[in-house]
Amino acid sequence: MELGYSTQDVNCMVLGGHGDTMVPITRLATIGGIPAEEVISKDKLDAIVERTRFGGGELVKLFGNGSAYYAPAASAIEMAESYLKDKKRVLPCAALCEGEFDVDGYFIGVPTVIGSNGIEKILEFKLLDSEKKELENTLNAVKQTVKETGL
């Protein structure tokens, strides 16, 4: 509500992981269906992206432990409801990419359609060069995690 709008009316797709490697696609973000870039300044939008990227870390520092479970729980409920009721909702979800967004063989957060068959499709769209570079950074972080864990 910092800007005078309910967060329920803000929509922005985020690709990749969560945290400092997330890739918010702000050029497609909307506030009540209006492009966000027409409602708030680029500087303010950039500040929101920065705070979103590092907000989870702020909470952990503040509370001294992992506390970022409410939003994932709400997302899991949305996904389960879409699956159980075959709603075909478009939801961000970690999905196995097989060439989408030039990612192959890794799970990353992408827009998916979730229905009674689970993830029924990944919705792909063209990325700007800067977005491709950011997504490559998040993919490198995923690859590093896979390497470190031996998965």
C-alpha atoms as a PDB file:
ATOM      1  CA  MET A   1       0.000   0.000   0.000  1.00  0.00           C
ATOM      2  CA  GLU A   2       3.098   2.192  -0.023  1.00  0.00           C
ATOM      3  CA  LEU A   3       2.040   3.638  -3.382  1.00  0.00           C
ATOM      4  CA  GLY A   4      -1.669   3.763  -2.582  1.00  0.00           C
ATOM      5  CA  TYR A   5      -2.590   0.571  -4.466  1.00  0.00           C
ATOM      6  CA  SER A   6      -3.547  -2.802  -3.065  1.00  0.00           C
ATOM      7  CA  THR A   7      -0.987  -5.507  -3.748  1.00  0.00           C
ATOM      8  CA  GLN A   8      -3.926  -7.609  -4.967  1.00  0.00           C
ATOM      9  CA  ASP A   9      -4.133  -5.309  -7.983  1.00  0.00           C
ATOM     10  CA  VAL A  10      -0.438  -5.561  -8.852  1.00  0.00           C
ATOM     11  CA  ASN A  11       0.603  -8.273 -11.296  1.00  0.00           C
ATOM     12  CA  CYS A  12       4.195  -8.964 -12.305  1.00  0.00           C
ATOM     13  CA  MET A  13       5.625 -12.201 -13.661  1.00  0.00           C
ATOM     14  CA  VAL A  14       8.912 -13.250 -12.098  1.00  0.00           C
ATOM     15  CA  LEU A  15      11.187 -15.781 -13.786  1.00  0.00           C
ATOM     16  CA  GLY A  16      13.946 -17.882 -12.289  1.00  0.00           C
ATOM     17  CA  GLY A  17      14.634 -18.307  -8.623  1.00  0.00           C
ATOM     18  CA  HIS A  18      13.620 -16.295  -5.618  1.00  0.00           C
ATOM     19  CA  GLY A  19      15.881 -13.818  -3.953  1.00  0.00           C
ATOM     20  CA  ASP A  20      18.688 -11.859  -5.513  1.00  0.00           C
ATOM     21  CA  THR A  21      18.632 -13.794  -8.811  1.00  0.00           C
ATOM     22  CA  MET A  22      14.912 -13.387  -9.542  1.00  0.00           C
ATOM     23  CA  VAL A  23      13.999 -11.823 -12.882  1.00  0.00           C
ATOM     24  CA  PRO A  24      10.917  -9.591 -12.551  1.00  0.00           C
ATOM     25  CA  ILE A  25       9.508  -8.787 -15.985  1.00  0.00           C
ATOM     26  CA  THR A  26       8.519  -5.235 -15.052  1.00  0.00           C
ATOM     27  CA  ARG A  27       7.780  -4.182 -18.626  1.00  0.00           C
ATOM     28  CA  LEU A  28       4.761  -6.532 -18.462  1.00  0.00           C
ATOM     29  CA  ALA A  29       3.735  -5.573 -14.905  1.00  0.00           C
ATOM     30  CA  THR A  30       0.301  -4.057 -14.397  1.00  0.00           C
ATOM     31  CA  ILE A  31      -1.549  -2.227 -11.660  1.00  0.00           C
ATOM     32  CA  GLY A  32      -5.265  -2.784 -12.067  1.00  0.00           C
ATOM     33  CA  GLY A  33      -4.670  -3.739 -15.690  1.00  0.00           C
ATOM     34  CA  ILE A  34      -2.740  -0.532 -16.455  1.00  0.00           C
ATOM     35  CA  PRO A  35       0.954  -0.905 -17.351  1.00  0.00           C
ATOM     36  CA  ALA A  36       2.929  -0.241 -14.162  1.00  0.00           C
ATOM     37  CA  GLU A  37       5.424   1.895 -16.082  1.00  0.00           C
ATOM     38  CA  GLU A  38       2.561   4.336 -16.806  1.00  0.00           C
ATOM     39  CA  VAL A  39       1.528   4.543 -13.149  1.00  0.00           C
ATOM     40  CA  ILE A  40       4.831   4.761 -11.265  1.00  0.00           C
ATOM     41  CA  SER A  41       8.254   6.105 -12.133  1.00  0.00           C
ATOM     42  CA  LYS A  42      11.047   3.856 -13.381  1.00  0.00           C
ATOM     43  CA  ASP A  43      13.142   4.775 -10.335  1.00  0.00           C
ATOM     44  CA  LYS A  44      10.353   3.712  -7.974  1.00  0.00           C
ATOM     45  CA  LEU A  45       9.799   0.502  -9.964  1.00  0.00           C
ATOM     46  CA  ASP A  46      13.531  -0.274  -9.773  1.00  0.00           C
ATOM     47  CA  ALA A  47      13.466   0.332  -6.005  1.00  0.00           C
ATOM     48  CA  ILE A  48      10.519  -2.059  -5.627  1.00  0.00           C
ATOM     49  CA  VAL A  49      12.372  -4.728  -7.621  1.00  0.00           C
ATOM     50  CA  GLU A  50      15.455  -4.302  -5.427  1.00  0.00           C
ATOM     51  CA  ARG A  51      13.427  -4.539  -2.219  1.00  0.00           C
ATOM     52  CA  THR A  52      11.583  -7.598  -3.517  1.00  0.00           C
ATOM     53  CA  ARG A  53      14.830  -9.349  -4.396  1.00  0.00           C
ATOM     54  CA  PHE A  54      16.340  -8.820  -0.971  1.00  0.00           C
ATOM     55  CA  GLY A  55      13.175  -8.653   1.185  1.00  0.00           C
ATOM     56  CA  GLY A  56      13.363 -12.301   2.237  1.00  0.00           C
ATOM     57  CA  GLY A  57      16.879 -11.774   3.524  1.00  0.00           C
ATOM     58  CA  GLU A  58      15.692  -8.720   5.466  1.00  0.00           C
ATOM     59  CA  LEU A  59      13.035 -10.832   7.184  1.00  0.00           C
ATOM     60  CA  VAL A  60      15.491 -13.568   8.092  1.00  0.00           C
ATOM     61  CA  LYS A  61      17.849 -10.967   9.594  1.00  0.00           C
ATOM     62  CA  LEU A  62      14.966  -9.348  11.477  1.00  0.00           C
ATOM     63  CA  PHE A  63      13.521 -12.568  12.896  1.00  0.00           C
ATOM     64  CA  GLY A  64      16.767 -14.510  13.125  1.00  0.00           C
ATOM     65  CA  ASN A  65      15.464 -17.536  11.247  1.00  0.00           C
ATOM     66  CA  GLY A  66      13.605 -18.573   8.130  1.00  0.00           C
ATOM     67  CA  SER A  67      10.253 -16.810   8.099  1.00  0.00           C
ATOM     68  CA  ALA A  68       9.333 -16.730   4.442  1.00  0.00           C
ATOM     69  CA  TYR A  69       6.726 -19.463   4.462  1.00  0.00           C
ATOM     70  CA  TYR A  70       3.383 -17.644   4.299  1.00  0.00           C
ATOM     71  CA  ALA A  71       3.667 -16.594   0.642  1.00  0.00           C
ATOM     72  CA  PRO A  72       4.915 -20.020  -0.528  1.00  0.00           C
ATOM     73  CA  ALA A  73       2.091 -21.674   1.430  1.00  0.00           C
ATOM     74  CA  ALA A  74      -0.484 -19.405  -0.231  1.00  0.00           C
ATOM     75  CA  SER A  75       1.043 -20.184  -3.637  1.00  0.00           C
ATOM     76  CA  ALA A  76       0.940 -23.917  -2.924  1.00  0.00           C
ATOM     77  CA  ILE A  77      -2.757 -23.642  -2.071  1.00  0.00           C
ATOM     78  CA  GLU A  78      -3.416 -21.780  -5.339  1.00  0.00           C
ATOM     79  CA  MET A  79      -1.554 -24.468  -7.294  1.00  0.00           C
ATOM     80  CA  ALA A  80      -3.326 -27.323  -5.506  1.00  0.00           C
ATOM     81  CA  GLU A  81      -6.729 -25.740  -6.084  1.00  0.00           C
ATOM     82  CA  SER A  82      -5.967 -25.220  -9.783  1.00  0.00           C
ATOM     83  CA  TYR A  83      -4.863 -28.863 -10.052  1.00  0.00           C
ATOM     84  CA  LEU A  84      -7.751 -30.360  -8.064  1.00  0.00           C
ATOM     85  CA  LYS A  85     -10.441 -28.256  -9.761  1.00  0.00           C
ATOM     86  CA  ASP A  86      -8.802 -28.275 -13.214  1.00  0.00           C
ATOM     87  CA  LYS A  87      -8.896 -24.473 -13.247  1.00  0.00           C
ATOM     88  CA  LYS A  88      -6.076 -24.087 -15.795  1.00  0.00           C
ATOM     89  CA  ARG A  89      -4.712 -21.109 -13.853  1.00  0.00           C
ATOM     90  CA  VAL A  90      -1.608 -19.339 -15.132  1.00  0.00           C
ATOM     91  CA  LEU A  91       0.704 -19.423 -12.135  1.00  0.00           C
ATOM     92  CA  PRO A  92       4.428 -19.001 -11.606  1.00  0.00           C
ATOM     93  CA  CYS A  93       5.923 -22.364 -10.747  1.00  0.00           C
ATOM     94  CA  ALA A  94       9.295 -24.099 -10.787  1.00  0.00           C
ATOM     95  CA  ALA A  95       9.009 -26.324 -13.853  1.00  0.00           C
ATOM     96  CA  LEU A  96      11.384 -28.471 -15.863  1.00  0.00           C
ATOM     97  CA  CYS A  97      12.301 -26.426 -18.905  1.00  0.00           C
ATOM     98  CA  GLU A  98      12.981 -28.312 -22.107  1.00  0.00           C
ATOM     99  CA  GLY A  99      14.107 -25.458 -24.307  1.00  0.00           C
ATOM    100  CA  GLU A 100      11.695 -22.807 -23.054  1.00  0.00           C
ATOM    101  CA  PHE A 101      13.441 -19.483 -22.501  1.00  0.00           C
ATOM    102  CA  ASP A 102      16.611 -21.207 -23.838  1.00  0.00           C
ATOM    103  CA  VAL A 103      16.803 -23.321 -20.668  1.00  0.00           C
ATOM    104  CA  ASP A 104      17.117 -27.081 -21.038  1.00  0.00           C
ATOM    105  CA  GLY A 105      17.099 -29.705 -18.313  1.00  0.00           C
ATOM    106  CA  TYR A 106      16.688 -27.434 -15.288  1.00  0.00           C
ATOM    107  CA  PHE A 107      13.804 -26.447 -13.049  1.00  0.00           C
ATOM    108  CA  ILE A 108      13.295 -22.693 -12.842  1.00  0.00           C
ATOM    109  CA  GLY A 109      10.349 -20.450 -12.078  1.00  0.00           C
ATOM    110  CA  VAL A 110       8.291 -19.819 -15.214  1.00  0.00           C
ATOM    111  CA  PRO A 111       4.653 -19.023 -16.038  1.00  0.00           C
ATOM    112  CA  THR A 112       2.767 -22.309 -16.180  1.00  0.00           C
ATOM    113  CA  VAL A 113      -0.770 -23.499 -16.806  1.00  0.00           C
ATOM    114  CA  ILE A 114      -1.798 -25.814 -13.974  1.00  0.00           C
ATOM    115  CA  GLY A 115      -4.766 -28.133 -14.449  1.00  0.00           C
ATOM    116  CA  SER A 116      -5.790 -31.680 -13.611  1.00  0.00           C
ATOM    117  CA  ASN A 117      -2.689 -32.990 -15.407  1.00  0.00           C
ATOM    118  CA  GLY A 118      -0.364 -30.858 -13.268  1.00  0.00           C
ATOM    119  CA  ILE A 119       1.810 -28.459 -15.225  1.00  0.00           C
ATOM    120  CA  GLU A 120       0.084 -28.658 -18.580  1.00  0.00           C
ATOM    121  CA  LYS A 121       2.238 -26.117 -20.369  1.00  0.00           C
ATOM    122  CA  ILE A 122       4.832 -23.437 -19.914  1.00  0.00           C
ATOM    123  CA  LEU A 123       3.878 -20.070 -21.366  1.00  0.00           C
ATOM    124  CA  GLU A 124       6.883 -18.694 -23.175  1.00  0.00           C
ATOM    125  CA  PHE A 125       7.317 -15.128 -24.404  1.00  0.00           C
ATOM    126  CA  LYS A 126      10.159 -13.171 -25.948  1.00  0.00           C
ATOM    127  CA  LEU A 127      12.681 -11.759 -23.533  1.00  0.00           C
ATOM    128  CA  LEU A 128      14.662  -8.581 -23.957  1.00  0.00           C
ATOM    129  CA  ASP A 129      18.440  -8.997 -24.053  1.00  0.00           C
ATOM    130  CA  SER A 130      18.730  -7.620 -20.508  1.00  0.00           C
ATOM    131  CA  GLU A 131      16.116 -10.119 -19.280  1.00  0.00           C
ATOM    132  CA  LYS A 132      17.943 -12.971 -21.041  1.00  0.00           C
ATOM    133  CA  LYS A 133      21.138 -11.986 -19.247  1.00  0.00           C
ATOM    134  CA  GLU A 134      19.387 -11.893 -15.869  1.00  0.00           C
ATOM    135  CA  LEU A 135      17.790 -15.283 -16.546  1.00  0.00           C
ATOM    136  CA  GLU A 136      21.214 -16.668 -17.449  1.00  0.00           C
ATOM    137  CA  ASN A 137      22.459 -15.444 -14.051  1.00  0.00           C
ATOM    138  CA  THR A 138      19.630 -17.208 -12.224  1.00  0.00           C
ATOM    139  CA  LEU A 139      20.250 -20.373 -14.249  1.00  0.00           C
ATOM    140  CA  ASN A 140      23.936 -20.241 -13.295  1.00  0.00           C
ATOM    141  CA  ALA A 141      22.885 -20.038  -9.631  1.00  0.00           C
ATOM    142  CA  VAL A 142      20.675 -23.119 -10.112  1.00  0.00           C
ATOM    143  CA  LYS A 143      23.525 -24.967 -11.829  1.00  0.00           C
ATOM    144  CA  GLN A 144      25.853 -24.080  -8.946  1.00  0.00           C
ATOM    145  CA  THR A 145      23.328 -25.399  -6.420  1.00  0.00           C
ATOM    146  CA  VAL A 146      22.975 -28.633  -8.396  1.00  0.00           C
ATOM    147  CA  LYS A 147      26.758 -28.971  -8.489  1.00  0.00           C
ATOM    148  CA  GLU A 148      27.161 -28.289  -4.764  1.00  0.00           C
ATOM    149  CA  THR A 149      24.401 -30.698  -3.734  1.00  0.00           C
ATOM    150  CA  GLY A 150      25.243 -33.417  -6.238  1.00  0.00           C
ATOM    151  CA  LEU A 151      21.679 -33.609  -7.537  1.00  0.00           C
END
